[in-house]
Protein backbone atom coordinates (compact mmCIF):
# COMPACT_ATOMS: atom_id res chain seq x y z
CA MET A 1 0.00 0.00 0.00
CA ASN A 2 1.45 3.34 -1.00
CA GLU A 3 1.40 6.51 1.11
CA ASN A 4 -1.57 8.07 -0.74
CA MET A 5 -3.64 4.95 -0.26
CA GLN A 6 -2.74 4.75 3.44
CA ASP A 7 -3.75 8.40 3.82
CA CYS A 8 -7.10 7.63 2.20
CA VAL A 9 -7.65 4.64 4.49
CA ASP A 10 -6.90 6.92 7.46
CA ARG A 11 -9.37 9.58 6.22
CA CYS A 12 -12.02 6.87 5.73
CA ASP A 13 -11.46 5.58 9.28
CA GLU A 14 -11.68 9.10 10.73
CA CYS A 15 -14.87 9.84 8.81
CA ARG A 16 -16.48 6.54 9.82
CA GLU A 17 -15.73 7.23 13.48
CA ALA A 18 -17.04 10.80 13.20
CA CYS A 19 -20.28 9.66 11.56
CA LEU A 20 -20.90 6.93 14.12
CA SER A 21 -20.38 9.28 17.06
CA THR A 22 -22.50 11.93 15.35
CA ILE A 23 -25.40 9.47 15.00
CA THR A 24 -25.46 9.10 18.79
CA HIS A 25 -25.18 12.87 19.24
CA CYS A 26 -28.05 13.49 16.81
CA LEU A 27 -30.34 10.93 18.41
CA GLU A 28 -29.67 12.40 21.86
CA LYS A 29 -30.18 15.96 20.63
CA GLY A 30 -33.43 15.18 18.83
CA GLY A 31 -35.35 17.58 16.63
CA ARG A 32 -33.94 18.24 13.18
CA HIS A 33 -30.71 16.49 14.18
CA ALA A 34 -32.61 13.21 14.51
CA GLN A 35 -34.53 13.39 11.23
CA PRO A 36 -34.52 9.90 9.70
CA ALA A 37 -32.99 10.98 6.38
CA HIS A 38 -30.09 12.68 8.14
CA VAL A 39 -29.40 9.74 10.47
CA ARG A 40 -29.59 7.31 7.51
CA LEU A 41 -27.09 9.43 5.58
CA LEU A 42 -24.69 9.38 8.54
CA ALA A 43 -25.03 5.57 8.69
CA ASP A 44 -24.57 5.27 4.92
CA CYS A 45 -21.44 7.41 5.12
CA ALA A 46 -19.97 5.34 7.94
CA GLU A 47 -20.66 2.14 6.01
CA ILE A 48 -19.20 3.26 2.67
CA CYS A 49 -16.12 4.60 4.45
CA GLN A 50 -15.58 1.20 6.07
CA THR A 51 -16.13 -0.56 2.74
CA SER A 52 -13.73 1.71 0.88
CA ALA A 53 -11.05 1.29 3.53
CA ASN A 54 -11.48 -2.49 3.41
CA PHE A 55 -11.14 -2.56 -0.39
CA MET A 56 -7.92 -0.55 -0.23
CA ILE A 57 -6.46 -2.53 2.67
CA ARG A 58 -6.85 -5.81 0.84
CA GLY A 59 -5.62 -4.33 -2.46
CA SER A 60 -8.84 -4.86 -4.38
CA GLU A 61 -8.64 -3.92 -8.03
CA HIS A 62 -12.13 -2.44 -7.59
CA HIS A 63 -11.23 0.11 -4.92
CA ALA A 64 -11.51 3.03 -7.36
CA GLY A 65 -15.24 2.35 -7.66
CA THR A 66 -15.81 2.24 -3.92
CA CYS A 67 -13.67 5.35 -3.45
CA GLY A 68 -15.72 7.23 -6.04
CA ALA A 69 -18.97 6.21 -4.35
CA CYS A 70 -17.50 7.08 -0.96
CA ALA A 71 -16.59 10.58 -2.15
CA ASP A 72 -20.16 11.17 -3.34
CA VAL A 73 -21.74 9.94 -0.10
CA CYS A 74 -19.25 11.89 2.04
CA ASP A 75 -20.06 15.08 0.13
CA ALA A 76 -23.79 14.53 0.69
CA CYS A 77 -23.23 13.83 4.38
CA ALA A 78 -21.05 16.93 4.76
CA ARG A 79 -23.78 19.08 3.20
CA SER A 80 -26.36 17.63 5.57
CA CYS A 81 -24.15 18.25 8.61
CA GLU A 82 -23.27 21.75 7.44
CA GLU A 83 -26.96 22.67 7.64
CA MET A 84 -26.49 22.41 11.42
CA ALA A 85 -22.90 23.71 11.59
CA GLU A 86 -23.70 25.94 14.56
CA ASP A 87 -23.39 22.67 16.49
CA ALA A 88 -19.69 21.84 17.06
CA GLU A 89 -20.24 18.07 16.64
CA MET A 90 -21.97 18.62 13.30
CA LYS A 91 -19.18 20.91 12.13
CA ARG A 92 -16.55 18.32 13.14
CA CYS A 93 -18.40 15.61 11.22
CA ALA A 94 -18.75 17.80 8.13
CA GLU A 95 -15.02 18.52 8.17
CA ALA A 96 -14.18 14.80 8.44
CA CYS A 97 -16.57 14.06 5.57
CA ARG A 98 -15.02 16.75 3.36
CA ALA A 99 -11.48 15.49 4.06
CA CYS A 100 -12.51 11.92 3.25
CA ALA A 101 -14.33 12.96 0.07
CA GLN A 102 -11.28 14.82 -1.18
CA SER A 103 -8.94 11.92 -0.45
CA CYS A 104 -11.28 9.32 -1.97
CA ARG A 105 -11.84 11.42 -5.08
CA GLN A 106 -8.06 11.62 -5.59
CA MET A 107 -7.73 7.86 -5.04
CA ALA A 108 -10.55 7.09 -7.48
CA GLY A 109 -8.99 9.35 -10.11
CA ALA A 110 -5.50 7.94 -9.61
CA VAL A 111 -6.51 4.47 -10.79
CA ALA A 112 -9.57 5.12 -12.92
């Protein structure tokens, strides 16, 4: 695994952890934070980040596809979190999502 790929795996792991902790935060906070579509998007983001990291870790020849999908989902999740960016947890999650999206997009483009 090269340095760029390891960096992408790290960004995916950070984003997954941020999304999972943000789900708990949102459910505890309630209101618009706990809207089903938002919570589902956080869960989707955590899952695709885990999948993308796994594909890269095992050297799958298909990791560009998962990285491309991951970038798209991370961007959507960041936008959703940014709608509530006055909340520090939401801002932190959005930043992790943006960093992951950027890294995954570069990884998808590097091998596509």
